[in-house]
N, C-alpha and C. Protein backbone atom coordinates (compact mmCIF):
# COMPACT_ATOMS: atom_id res chain seq x y z
N MET A 1 -52.42 -66.90 -79.06
CA MET A 1 -53.55 -66.59 -79.92
C MET A 1 -53.52 -67.53 -81.13
N PRO A 2 -54.67 -68.15 -81.48
CA PRO A 2 -54.69 -69.06 -82.62
C PRO A 2 -54.46 -68.32 -83.93
N ARG A 3 -53.99 -69.09 -84.90
CA ARG A 3 -53.73 -68.54 -86.23
C ARG A 3 -55.04 -68.06 -86.85
N LEU A 4 -55.00 -66.92 -87.48
CA LEU A 4 -56.16 -66.33 -88.13
C LEU A 4 -56.50 -67.10 -89.40
N ASP A 5 -57.75 -67.52 -89.55
CA ASP A 5 -58.19 -68.22 -90.76
C ASP A 5 -58.51 -67.19 -91.84
N THR A 6 -57.70 -67.17 -92.88
CA THR A 6 -57.87 -66.16 -93.93
C THR A 6 -58.18 -66.80 -95.29
N LYS A 7 -58.75 -68.00 -95.29
CA LYS A 7 -59.05 -68.68 -96.56
C LYS A 7 -60.02 -67.88 -97.42
N LEU A 8 -61.05 -67.34 -96.80
CA LEU A 8 -62.03 -66.57 -97.56
C LEU A 8 -61.39 -65.32 -98.16
N GLU A 9 -60.55 -64.66 -97.38
CA GLU A 9 -59.87 -63.47 -97.88
C GLU A 9 -58.90 -63.81 -99.01
N ALA A 10 -58.25 -64.98 -98.92
CA ALA A 10 -57.34 -65.41 -99.98
C ALA A 10 -58.10 -65.61 -101.29
N GLU A 11 -59.29 -66.21 -101.21
CA GLU A 11 -60.13 -66.35 -102.41
C GLU A 11 -60.50 -64.97 -102.94
N GLY A 12 -60.84 -64.06 -102.03
CA GLY A 12 -61.18 -62.70 -102.43
C GLY A 12 -60.03 -62.02 -103.15
N ALA A 13 -58.80 -62.25 -102.67
CA ALA A 13 -57.62 -61.65 -103.31
C ALA A 13 -57.47 -62.14 -104.74
N GLU A 14 -57.78 -63.41 -104.98
CA GLU A 14 -57.71 -63.94 -106.35
C GLU A 14 -58.72 -63.22 -107.24
N PHE A 15 -59.92 -63.01 -106.72
CA PHE A 15 -60.93 -62.30 -107.51
C PHE A 15 -60.57 -60.82 -107.69
N LEU A 16 -59.94 -60.21 -106.69
CA LEU A 16 -59.48 -58.82 -106.84
C LEU A 16 -58.44 -58.72 -107.95
N ALA A 17 -57.48 -59.64 -107.96
CA ALA A 17 -56.45 -59.64 -109.01
C ALA A 17 -57.09 -59.89 -110.37
N LEU A 18 -58.02 -60.83 -110.43
CA LEU A 18 -58.74 -61.12 -111.67
C LEU A 18 -59.44 -59.86 -112.18
N GLY A 19 -60.14 -59.17 -111.29
CA GLY A 19 -60.84 -57.95 -111.67
C GLY A 19 -59.90 -56.88 -112.18
N GLN A 20 -58.75 -56.71 -111.52
CA GLN A 20 -57.78 -55.72 -111.97
C GLN A 20 -57.28 -56.04 -113.38
N MET A 21 -57.03 -57.32 -113.63
CA MET A 21 -56.54 -57.70 -114.96
C MET A 21 -57.60 -57.47 -116.03
N LEU A 22 -58.84 -57.78 -115.70
CA LEU A 22 -59.92 -57.54 -116.66
C LEU A 22 -60.10 -56.05 -116.92
N LEU A 23 -59.96 -55.22 -115.88
CA LEU A 23 -60.06 -53.77 -116.06
C LEU A 23 -58.94 -53.23 -116.94
N GLN A 24 -57.81 -53.93 -116.96
CA GLN A 24 -56.68 -53.54 -117.83
C GLN A 24 -56.82 -54.15 -119.23
N ARG A 25 -57.97 -54.77 -119.48
CA ARG A 25 -58.29 -55.39 -120.78
C ARG A 25 -57.39 -56.58 -121.08
N ILE A 26 -57.02 -57.31 -120.03
CA ILE A 26 -56.26 -58.55 -120.18
C ILE A 26 -57.23 -59.70 -119.92
N PRO A 27 -57.63 -60.44 -120.96
CA PRO A 27 -58.55 -61.55 -120.75
C PRO A 27 -57.94 -62.57 -119.78
N THR A 28 -58.63 -62.82 -118.69
CA THR A 28 -58.09 -63.67 -117.62
C THR A 28 -59.19 -64.55 -117.07
N TYR A 29 -58.80 -65.75 -116.69
CA TYR A 29 -59.74 -66.73 -116.15
C TYR A 29 -59.22 -67.27 -114.83
N LYS A 30 -60.14 -67.53 -113.91
CA LYS A 30 -59.77 -68.13 -112.62
C LYS A 30 -59.83 -69.64 -112.77
N THR A 31 -58.84 -70.32 -112.22
CA THR A 31 -58.89 -71.78 -112.21
C THR A 31 -59.77 -72.19 -111.04
N TYR A 32 -60.78 -72.96 -111.31
CA TYR A 32 -61.72 -73.33 -110.26
C TYR A 32 -61.38 -74.65 -109.60
N THR A 33 -60.30 -75.27 -110.02
CA THR A 33 -59.77 -76.41 -109.29
C THR A 33 -58.43 -75.97 -108.75
N ASN A 34 -57.99 -76.59 -107.71
CA ASN A 34 -56.75 -76.18 -107.07
C ASN A 34 -55.56 -76.60 -107.92
N MET A 35 -55.08 -75.68 -108.74
CA MET A 35 -53.93 -75.95 -109.60
C MET A 35 -52.67 -75.55 -108.85
N PRO A 36 -51.79 -76.50 -108.57
CA PRO A 36 -50.57 -76.13 -107.86
C PRO A 36 -49.74 -75.18 -108.72
N GLY A 37 -49.36 -74.07 -108.18
CA GLY A 37 -48.48 -73.15 -108.89
C GLY A 37 -49.14 -71.94 -109.50
N TYR A 38 -50.44 -72.00 -109.78
CA TYR A 38 -51.09 -70.81 -110.34
C TYR A 38 -52.58 -70.81 -110.04
N ASP A 39 -53.16 -69.60 -110.06
CA ASP A 39 -54.56 -69.39 -109.71
C ASP A 39 -55.36 -68.79 -110.86
N LEU A 40 -54.68 -68.04 -111.72
CA LEU A 40 -55.32 -67.35 -112.84
C LEU A 40 -54.57 -67.68 -114.13
N VAL A 41 -55.27 -67.60 -115.24
CA VAL A 41 -54.63 -67.76 -116.55
C VAL A 41 -55.02 -66.54 -117.38
N ALA A 42 -54.01 -65.75 -117.74
CA ALA A 42 -54.22 -64.58 -118.61
C ALA A 42 -53.95 -65.02 -120.04
N THR A 43 -54.73 -64.51 -120.98
CA THR A 43 -54.60 -64.97 -122.37
C THR A 43 -54.58 -63.80 -123.35
N ASN A 44 -54.06 -64.10 -124.53
CA ASN A 44 -54.16 -63.18 -125.65
C ASN A 44 -54.49 -64.03 -126.88
N PRO A 45 -55.76 -64.05 -127.28
CA PRO A 45 -56.15 -64.88 -128.43
C PRO A 45 -55.43 -64.50 -129.73
N SER A 46 -55.04 -63.24 -129.87
CA SER A 46 -54.38 -62.79 -131.11
C SER A 46 -53.00 -63.41 -131.28
N THR A 47 -52.27 -63.57 -130.18
CA THR A 47 -50.92 -64.14 -130.25
C THR A 47 -50.90 -65.61 -129.83
N ASN A 48 -52.05 -66.11 -129.38
CA ASN A 48 -52.15 -67.50 -128.91
C ASN A 48 -51.20 -67.76 -127.73
N ARG A 49 -51.06 -66.75 -126.86
CA ARG A 49 -50.19 -66.89 -125.68
C ARG A 49 -51.02 -66.86 -124.43
N SER A 50 -50.47 -67.48 -123.40
CA SER A 50 -51.11 -67.42 -122.08
C SER A 50 -50.03 -67.26 -121.02
N ALA A 51 -50.44 -66.77 -119.87
CA ALA A 51 -49.53 -66.59 -118.73
C ALA A 51 -50.23 -67.12 -117.48
N ARG A 52 -49.54 -68.00 -116.77
CA ARG A 52 -50.06 -68.50 -115.50
C ARG A 52 -49.68 -67.51 -114.41
N VAL A 53 -50.66 -67.16 -113.59
CA VAL A 53 -50.47 -66.15 -112.55
C VAL A 53 -50.80 -66.76 -111.20
N GLN A 54 -49.83 -66.70 -110.30
CA GLN A 54 -50.05 -67.14 -108.93
C GLN A 54 -50.37 -65.91 -108.08
N VAL A 55 -51.42 -65.99 -107.29
CA VAL A 55 -51.82 -64.88 -106.43
C VAL A 55 -51.47 -65.23 -104.99
N LYS A 56 -50.72 -64.35 -104.36
CA LYS A 56 -50.37 -64.50 -102.95
C LYS A 56 -51.01 -63.33 -102.21
N SER A 57 -51.63 -63.61 -101.08
CA SER A 57 -52.27 -62.52 -100.34
C SER A 57 -51.75 -62.46 -98.92
N ARG A 58 -51.74 -61.26 -98.39
CA ARG A 58 -51.36 -61.02 -97.00
C ARG A 58 -52.47 -60.18 -96.40
N TRP A 59 -53.01 -60.64 -95.29
CA TRP A 59 -54.16 -60.03 -94.64
C TRP A 59 -53.78 -58.74 -93.92
N ARG A 60 -52.65 -58.78 -93.22
CA ARG A 60 -52.24 -57.69 -92.33
C ARG A 60 -51.85 -56.42 -93.09
N THR A 61 -52.24 -55.29 -92.54
CA THR A 61 -51.85 -54.01 -93.11
C THR A 61 -50.33 -53.87 -93.07
N GLY A 62 -49.75 -53.51 -94.20
CA GLY A 62 -48.31 -53.30 -94.28
C GLY A 62 -47.49 -54.56 -94.12
N ALA A 63 -48.03 -55.71 -94.48
CA ALA A 63 -47.30 -56.98 -94.35
C ALA A 63 -45.92 -56.85 -94.98
N PRO A 64 -44.87 -57.35 -94.30
CA PRO A 64 -43.51 -57.16 -94.80
C PRO A 64 -43.07 -58.15 -95.88
N GLY A 65 -43.87 -59.17 -96.14
CA GLY A 65 -43.47 -60.16 -97.14
C GLY A 65 -44.55 -61.18 -97.37
N PHE A 66 -44.20 -62.25 -98.05
CA PHE A 66 -45.16 -63.31 -98.38
C PHE A 66 -44.41 -64.63 -98.49
N ILE A 67 -45.16 -65.72 -98.41
CA ILE A 67 -44.58 -67.06 -98.48
C ILE A 67 -44.88 -67.65 -99.85
N ILE A 68 -43.86 -68.23 -100.47
CA ILE A 68 -44.04 -68.89 -101.77
C ILE A 68 -43.05 -70.05 -101.87
N ASN A 69 -43.53 -71.17 -102.35
CA ASN A 69 -42.67 -72.34 -102.52
C ASN A 69 -42.84 -73.02 -103.87
N ASN A 70 -43.79 -72.57 -104.67
CA ASN A 70 -44.03 -73.17 -105.97
C ASN A 70 -43.91 -72.07 -107.03
N PHE A 71 -43.08 -72.32 -108.02
CA PHE A 71 -42.81 -71.29 -109.03
C PHE A 71 -43.26 -71.72 -110.42
N ASP A 72 -44.31 -72.53 -110.49
CA ASP A 72 -44.82 -73.03 -111.75
C ASP A 72 -45.79 -72.02 -112.36
N CYS A 73 -45.28 -70.84 -112.68
CA CYS A 73 -46.09 -69.75 -113.22
C CYS A 73 -45.17 -68.77 -113.94
N GLU A 74 -45.76 -67.82 -114.62
CA GLU A 74 -44.98 -66.77 -115.27
C GLU A 74 -44.96 -65.48 -114.43
N PHE A 75 -46.03 -65.25 -113.65
CA PHE A 75 -46.12 -64.05 -112.83
C PHE A 75 -46.65 -64.39 -111.44
N VAL A 76 -46.21 -63.61 -110.47
CA VAL A 76 -46.73 -63.69 -109.10
C VAL A 76 -47.33 -62.33 -108.78
N VAL A 77 -48.61 -62.33 -108.42
CA VAL A 77 -49.28 -61.10 -107.99
C VAL A 77 -49.46 -61.19 -106.48
N VAL A 78 -48.89 -60.24 -105.77
CA VAL A 78 -49.04 -60.19 -104.32
C VAL A 78 -50.07 -59.12 -104.00
N VAL A 79 -51.10 -59.52 -103.26
CA VAL A 79 -52.16 -58.61 -102.86
C VAL A 79 -52.04 -58.38 -101.36
N ARG A 80 -51.65 -57.18 -100.99
CA ARG A 80 -51.69 -56.81 -99.57
C ARG A 80 -53.10 -56.31 -99.31
N LEU A 81 -53.87 -57.11 -98.58
CA LEU A 81 -55.27 -56.77 -98.33
C LEU A 81 -55.44 -55.61 -97.36
N ASN A 82 -54.45 -55.40 -96.47
CA ASN A 82 -54.44 -54.25 -95.55
C ASN A 82 -55.70 -54.17 -94.69
N ARG A 83 -56.02 -55.28 -94.01
CA ARG A 83 -57.23 -55.37 -93.18
C ARG A 83 -56.97 -55.07 -91.71
N GLY A 84 -55.84 -54.52 -91.36
CA GLY A 84 -55.54 -54.22 -89.96
C GLY A 84 -54.58 -55.26 -89.41
N HIS A 85 -54.66 -55.50 -88.10
CA HIS A 85 -53.80 -56.48 -87.44
C HIS A 85 -54.64 -57.63 -86.91
N LYS A 86 -54.04 -58.81 -86.79
CA LYS A 86 -54.81 -60.00 -86.42
C LYS A 86 -55.45 -59.90 -85.04
N ASN A 87 -54.87 -59.13 -84.14
CA ASN A 87 -55.45 -58.99 -82.80
C ASN A 87 -56.34 -57.75 -82.70
N GLY A 88 -56.74 -57.22 -83.84
CA GLY A 88 -57.59 -56.02 -83.85
C GLY A 88 -56.74 -54.77 -83.96
N GLY A 89 -57.36 -53.71 -84.29
CA GLY A 89 -56.65 -52.44 -84.41
C GLY A 89 -55.87 -52.36 -85.71
N GLY A 90 -55.10 -51.31 -85.81
CA GLY A 90 -54.36 -51.07 -87.04
C GLY A 90 -55.25 -50.42 -88.08
N ASN A 91 -54.63 -49.77 -89.02
CA ASN A 91 -55.37 -49.09 -90.08
C ASN A 91 -55.87 -50.08 -91.12
N VAL A 92 -57.12 -49.94 -91.50
CA VAL A 92 -57.66 -50.69 -92.63
C VAL A 92 -57.53 -49.77 -93.84
N LEU A 93 -56.81 -50.26 -94.84
CA LEU A 93 -56.51 -49.45 -96.03
C LEU A 93 -56.95 -50.20 -97.29
N PRO A 94 -57.00 -49.51 -98.42
CA PRO A 94 -57.32 -50.21 -99.68
C PRO A 94 -56.25 -51.25 -100.00
N PRO A 95 -56.62 -52.30 -100.72
CA PRO A 95 -55.64 -53.32 -101.11
C PRO A 95 -54.56 -52.73 -102.03
N GLU A 96 -53.38 -53.34 -101.96
CA GLU A 96 -52.26 -52.97 -102.82
C GLU A 96 -51.90 -54.18 -103.67
N PHE A 97 -51.51 -53.94 -104.92
CA PHE A 97 -51.17 -55.02 -105.85
C PHE A 97 -49.73 -54.84 -106.33
N PHE A 98 -48.97 -55.91 -106.27
CA PHE A 98 -47.61 -55.93 -106.80
C PHE A 98 -47.52 -57.07 -107.80
N VAL A 99 -47.08 -56.76 -109.02
CA VAL A 99 -47.03 -57.74 -110.11
C VAL A 99 -45.57 -58.03 -110.43
N PHE A 100 -45.14 -59.27 -110.15
CA PHE A 100 -43.75 -59.66 -110.34
C PHE A 100 -43.61 -60.75 -111.39
N PRO A 101 -42.66 -60.62 -112.31
CA PRO A 101 -42.29 -61.80 -113.10
C PRO A 101 -41.74 -62.85 -112.13
N VAL A 102 -42.03 -64.10 -112.37
CA VAL A 102 -41.63 -65.14 -111.43
C VAL A 102 -40.12 -65.15 -111.21
N ALA A 103 -39.34 -64.79 -112.22
CA ALA A 103 -37.88 -64.78 -112.08
C ALA A 103 -37.41 -63.81 -111.00
N VAL A 104 -38.11 -62.69 -110.84
CA VAL A 104 -37.75 -61.72 -109.80
C VAL A 104 -37.93 -62.34 -108.42
N VAL A 105 -39.04 -63.02 -108.22
CA VAL A 105 -39.31 -63.65 -106.92
C VAL A 105 -38.34 -64.79 -106.67
N GLN A 106 -38.08 -65.60 -107.68
CA GLN A 106 -37.16 -66.72 -107.53
C GLN A 106 -35.76 -66.25 -107.17
N SER A 107 -35.34 -65.13 -107.72
CA SER A 107 -33.97 -64.65 -107.50
C SER A 107 -33.72 -64.23 -106.05
N ILE A 108 -34.76 -63.90 -105.29
CA ILE A 108 -34.55 -63.49 -103.89
C ILE A 108 -35.14 -64.48 -102.90
N HIS A 109 -35.75 -65.55 -103.39
CA HIS A 109 -36.37 -66.56 -102.53
C HIS A 109 -35.31 -67.28 -101.71
N GLN A 110 -35.59 -67.46 -100.43
CA GLN A 110 -34.70 -68.20 -99.54
C GLN A 110 -35.21 -69.64 -99.44
N PRO A 111 -34.54 -70.60 -100.07
CA PRO A 111 -35.03 -71.98 -100.01
C PRO A 111 -34.96 -72.53 -98.58
N GLY A 112 -35.83 -73.49 -98.33
CA GLY A 112 -35.88 -74.08 -96.99
C GLY A 112 -36.74 -73.24 -96.08
N GLY A 113 -37.06 -73.79 -94.94
CA GLY A 113 -37.89 -73.07 -93.98
C GLY A 113 -39.25 -72.76 -94.56
N TRP A 114 -39.74 -71.57 -94.29
CA TRP A 114 -41.07 -71.17 -94.72
C TRP A 114 -41.12 -70.70 -96.16
N GLY A 115 -39.98 -70.35 -96.72
CA GLY A 115 -39.98 -69.84 -98.09
C GLY A 115 -40.49 -68.42 -98.18
N LYS A 116 -40.18 -67.61 -97.17
CA LYS A 116 -40.69 -66.25 -97.14
C LYS A 116 -39.84 -65.31 -97.98
N VAL A 117 -40.51 -64.44 -98.70
CA VAL A 117 -39.87 -63.39 -99.49
C VAL A 117 -40.23 -62.07 -98.82
N HIS A 118 -39.22 -61.26 -98.53
CA HIS A 118 -39.44 -59.96 -97.89
C HIS A 118 -39.43 -58.85 -98.95
N PHE A 119 -40.39 -57.95 -98.84
CA PHE A 119 -40.47 -56.84 -99.78
C PHE A 119 -39.20 -56.00 -99.77
N ARG A 120 -38.54 -55.88 -98.63
CA ARG A 120 -37.34 -55.04 -98.54
C ARG A 120 -36.19 -55.58 -99.40
N HIS A 121 -36.26 -56.86 -99.80
CA HIS A 121 -35.22 -57.45 -100.64
C HIS A 121 -35.49 -57.28 -102.13
N ILE A 122 -36.64 -56.72 -102.47
CA ILE A 122 -37.00 -56.55 -103.88
C ILE A 122 -36.56 -55.16 -104.33
N GLU A 123 -35.59 -55.16 -105.24
CA GLU A 123 -35.06 -53.90 -105.74
C GLU A 123 -36.12 -53.15 -106.53
N ASP A 124 -36.26 -51.87 -106.26
CA ASP A 124 -37.22 -51.00 -106.95
C ASP A 124 -38.65 -51.54 -106.85
N LEU A 125 -39.05 -51.87 -105.63
CA LEU A 125 -40.37 -52.46 -105.36
C LEU A 125 -41.50 -51.65 -105.99
N GLU A 126 -41.42 -50.34 -105.92
CA GLU A 126 -42.50 -49.49 -106.43
C GLU A 126 -42.74 -49.67 -107.93
N SER A 127 -41.73 -50.10 -108.66
CA SER A 127 -41.91 -50.30 -110.11
C SER A 127 -42.83 -51.48 -110.41
N PHE A 128 -43.09 -52.32 -109.42
CA PHE A 128 -43.96 -53.48 -109.60
C PHE A 128 -45.39 -53.21 -109.12
N ARG A 129 -45.59 -52.08 -108.44
CA ARG A 129 -46.92 -51.75 -107.93
C ARG A 129 -47.87 -51.48 -109.11
N ASP A 130 -48.98 -52.23 -109.14
CA ASP A 130 -50.00 -52.06 -110.19
C ASP A 130 -49.43 -52.14 -111.61
N ASN A 131 -48.34 -52.86 -111.79
CA ASN A 131 -47.69 -52.93 -113.10
C ASN A 131 -48.26 -54.09 -113.92
N TRP A 132 -49.51 -53.95 -114.30
CA TRP A 132 -50.20 -54.97 -115.09
C TRP A 132 -49.69 -54.97 -116.53
N GLN A 133 -49.09 -53.88 -116.95
CA GLN A 133 -48.62 -53.76 -118.34
C GLN A 133 -47.61 -54.85 -118.69
N GLN A 134 -46.79 -55.27 -117.73
CA GLN A 134 -45.80 -56.30 -118.05
C GLN A 134 -46.47 -57.63 -118.42
N VAL A 135 -47.65 -57.91 -117.85
CA VAL A 135 -48.40 -59.10 -118.24
C VAL A 135 -48.90 -58.93 -119.67
N ALA A 136 -49.46 -57.77 -119.97
CA ALA A 136 -49.95 -57.49 -121.32
C ALA A 136 -48.81 -57.58 -122.34
N ASP A 137 -47.64 -57.05 -121.99
CA ASP A 137 -46.48 -57.11 -122.90
C ASP A 137 -46.05 -58.55 -123.14
N PHE A 138 -46.03 -59.35 -122.09
CA PHE A 138 -45.67 -60.77 -122.20
C PHE A 138 -46.63 -61.47 -123.16
N LEU A 139 -47.91 -61.19 -123.02
CA LEU A 139 -48.92 -61.83 -123.85
C LEU A 139 -48.89 -61.33 -125.30
N ALA A 140 -48.43 -60.09 -125.50
CA ALA A 140 -48.41 -59.50 -126.85
C ALA A 140 -47.25 -60.02 -127.69
N ALA A 141 -46.21 -60.54 -127.05
CA ALA A 141 -45.05 -61.05 -127.79
C ALA A 141 -45.47 -62.25 -128.64
N PRO A 142 -44.89 -62.39 -129.82
CA PRO A 142 -45.25 -63.54 -130.67
C PRO A 142 -44.93 -64.86 -129.97
N ALA A 143 -45.79 -65.84 -130.19
CA ALA A 143 -45.61 -67.16 -129.56
C ALA A 143 -44.46 -67.91 -130.19
């Protein structure tokens, strides 16, 4: 079976993450050129700080991990789109968001090969679910 083309869904995941950040009152902008290492820039004009955010998406429901090889950002947001299985079937569920400081992802990243990070290797995974506050806290710290 050929590889599933998920480029459109990946763009959608970036907009979903952008929307979530805006709903949390974190001023955020999408980079409209392909910036290696990050897709969104969150800002705090009061502290003159910004955070580069890389968005990784997984199409499959319950995806066990994600691929990452560039760590030129402060945060990695993983969006599990939960659209079922590539060959059809499977449950379609609402998207899930996991917000990681880049250091967390780097600490468990396996260099070489595909660069896949497995959710099962992330200690206290649930503490990162929808945890947009850590981005706000990062931005609130004095520059």
